[in-house]
Structure formats: structure tokens, C-alpha cells
C-alpha atoms as a PDB file:
ATOM      1  CA  MET A   1     141.416  78.806 128.413  1.00  0.00           C
ATOM      2  CA  ALA A   2     141.355  82.545 130.198  1.00  0.00           C
ATOM      3  CA  GLU A   3     139.493  83.844 127.151  1.00  0.00           C
ATOM      4  CA  ALA A   4     136.615  81.056 127.579  1.00  0.00           C
ATOM      5  CA  GLY A   5     136.294  82.275 131.001  1.00  0.00           C
ATOM      6  CA  ASN A   6     136.218  85.955 129.983  1.00  0.00           C
ATOM      7  CA  TRP A   7     133.344  85.340 127.659  1.00  0.00           C
ATOM      8  CA  ILE A   8     131.490  83.259 130.121  1.00  0.00           C
ATOM      9  CA  GLU A   9     131.424  86.041 132.720  1.00  0.00           C
ATOM     10  CA  ARG A  10     130.756  88.808 130.053  1.00  0.00           C
ATOM     11  CA  THR A  11     127.749  86.782 129.004  1.00  0.00           C
ATOM     12  CA  LYS A  12     126.407  86.565 132.432  1.00  0.00           C
ATOM     13  CA  ASP A  13     126.962  90.308 133.004  1.00  0.00           C
ATOM     14  CA  TYR A  14     125.016  90.963 129.640  1.00  0.00           C
ATOM     15  CA  ILE A  15     122.128  88.609 130.675  1.00  0.00           C
ATOM     16  CA  ASN A  16     121.927  90.170 134.337  1.00  0.00           C
ATOM     17  CA  GLU A  17     121.913  93.657 132.943  1.00  0.00           C
ATOM     18  CA  LEU A  18     119.317  92.835 130.353  1.00  0.00           C
ATOM     19  CA  LYS A  19     117.113  91.401 133.314  1.00  0.00           C
ATOM     20  CA  LEU A  20     117.593  94.588 135.053  1.00  0.00           C
ATOM     21  CA  GLU A  21     116.596  97.077 132.209  1.00  0.00           C
ATOM     22  CA  MET A  22     113.974  94.745 131.388  1.00  0.00           C
ATOM     23  CA  ARG A  23     112.323  95.565 134.842  1.00  0.00           C
ATOM     24  CA  ARG A  24     112.926  99.461 134.005  1.00  0.00           C
ATOM     25  CA  VAL A  25     110.492  99.314 130.976  1.00  0.00           C
ATOM     26  CA  THR A  26     107.293 100.838 131.255  1.00  0.00           C
ATOM     27  CA  TRP A  27     104.914  98.540 129.369  1.00  0.00           C
ATOM     28  CA  PRO A  28     101.801  99.979 127.514  1.00  0.00           C
ATOM     29  CA  SER A  29      98.534  98.959 128.976  1.00  0.00           C
ATOM     30  CA  ARG A  30      96.066  96.694 126.707  1.00  0.00           C
ATOM     31  CA  LYS A  31      93.866  99.826 125.838  1.00  0.00           C
ATOM     32  CA  GLN A  32      96.933 101.698 124.551  1.00  0.00           C
ATOM     33  CA  VAL A  33      97.781  98.646 122.680  1.00  0.00           C
ATOM     34  CA  GLU A  34      94.678  98.207 121.060  1.00  0.00           C
ATOM     35  CA  SER A  35      94.341 101.980 120.327  1.00  0.00           C
ATOM     36  CA  THR A  36      97.416 102.219 118.596  1.00  0.00           C
ATOM     37  CA  THR A  37      96.753  99.037 116.827  1.00  0.00           C
ATOM     38  CA  THR A  38      93.309 100.250 115.514  1.00  0.00           C
ATOM     39  CA  VAL A  39      95.243 103.612 114.495  1.00  0.00           C
ATOM     40  CA  VAL A  40      97.899 101.479 112.409  1.00  0.00           C
ATOM     41  CA  ILE A  41      95.336  99.477 110.711  1.00  0.00           C
ATOM     42  CA  ILE A  42      93.132 102.274 109.725  1.00  0.00           C
ATOM     43  CA  SER A  43      96.025 103.812 108.453  1.00  0.00           C
ATOM     44  CA  VAL A  44      97.269 101.286 106.337  1.00  0.00           C
ATOM     45  CA  PHE A  45      93.824 101.101 104.661  1.00  0.00           C
ATOM     46  CA  ALA A  46      93.771 104.758 104.266  1.00  0.00           C
ATOM     47  CA  PHE A  47      97.262 104.743 102.557  1.00  0.00           C
ATOM     48  CA  ALA A  48      96.056 101.731 100.445  1.00  0.00           C
ATOM     49  CA  ALA A  49      93.135 103.531  99.100  1.00  0.00           C
ATOM     50  CA  TYR A  50      95.079 106.605  98.486  1.00  0.00           C
ATOM     51  CA  PHE A  51      97.715 104.754  96.297  1.00  0.00           C
ATOM     52  CA  ALA A  52      94.928 103.024  94.571  1.00  0.00           C
ATOM     53  CA  VAL A  53      93.225 106.255  93.562  1.00  0.00           C
ATOM     54  CA  VAL A  54      96.674 107.430  92.265  1.00  0.00           C
ATOM     55  CA  ASP A  55      97.404 104.214  90.526  1.00  0.00           C
ATOM     56  CA  ALA A  56      94.228 104.467  88.765  1.00  0.00           C
ATOM     57  CA  VAL A  57      94.476 108.101  87.550  1.00  0.00           C
ATOM     58  CA  LEU A  58      98.343 107.535  86.422  1.00  0.00           C
ATOM     59  CA  LYS A  59      97.182 104.329  84.487  1.00  0.00           C
ATOM     60  CA  ALA A  60      94.437 106.305  82.832  1.00  0.00           C
ATOM     61  CA  GLY A  61      96.915 109.062  82.002  1.00  0.00           C
ATOM     62  CA  THR A  62      99.325 106.707  80.779  1.00  0.00           C
ATOM     63  CA  ASP A  63      96.461 104.739  78.743  1.00  0.00           C
ATOM     64  CA  ARG A  64      95.521 108.142  77.024  1.00  0.00           C
ATOM     65  CA  LEU A  65      99.216 108.976  76.296  1.00  0.00           C
ATOM     66  CA  PHE A  66      99.800 105.688  74.574  1.00  0.00           C
ATOM     67  CA  LYS A  67      96.678 106.016  72.614  1.00  0.00           C
ATOM     68  CA  VAL A  68      97.714 109.557  71.373  1.00  0.00           C
ATOM     69  CA  PHE A  69     101.333 108.428  70.005  1.00  0.00           C
ATOM     70  CA  ALA A  70     100.024 104.885  68.794  1.00  0.00           C
ATOM     71  CA  LYS A  71      97.767 106.799  65.842  1.00  0.00           C
END
């Protein structure tokens, strides 16, 4: 039964420490969140476009290679 009480005390301590730590967190402003979200979305589309171009080039190259060896 002592272990159960110890577990309960440790859980209470953990929750209290968690609350203290969350009060110390510096949260970003709405403007910062919007700007970083915009950067992420633009980056995702840029990488998608880059990989689409690379994929098209590699596909064209492998298609030509298969045509050469298929003859």
C-alpha cells in the first residue's frame, strides 16, 4: 500500500512541476505563428515543385534508357 501512496505523491509532484513549467513558457504571438505557418506552407509547395521536376526528369531519362535497351 505504501507503493500506491508513493505513486500518487509522485504523480501530484509531476503535475505541479508541469504547471510551473507551463507558466514559464514564452508563447509566440499570433503574428509570429501566422508568419512561420506561411513560411512552412510555401516551403512545402516549393519542395513539392522541385521534386515534381526531378521526378519528371528522371522518368524521361529512364524511359529513354528503356527504349534504347528494348530495341
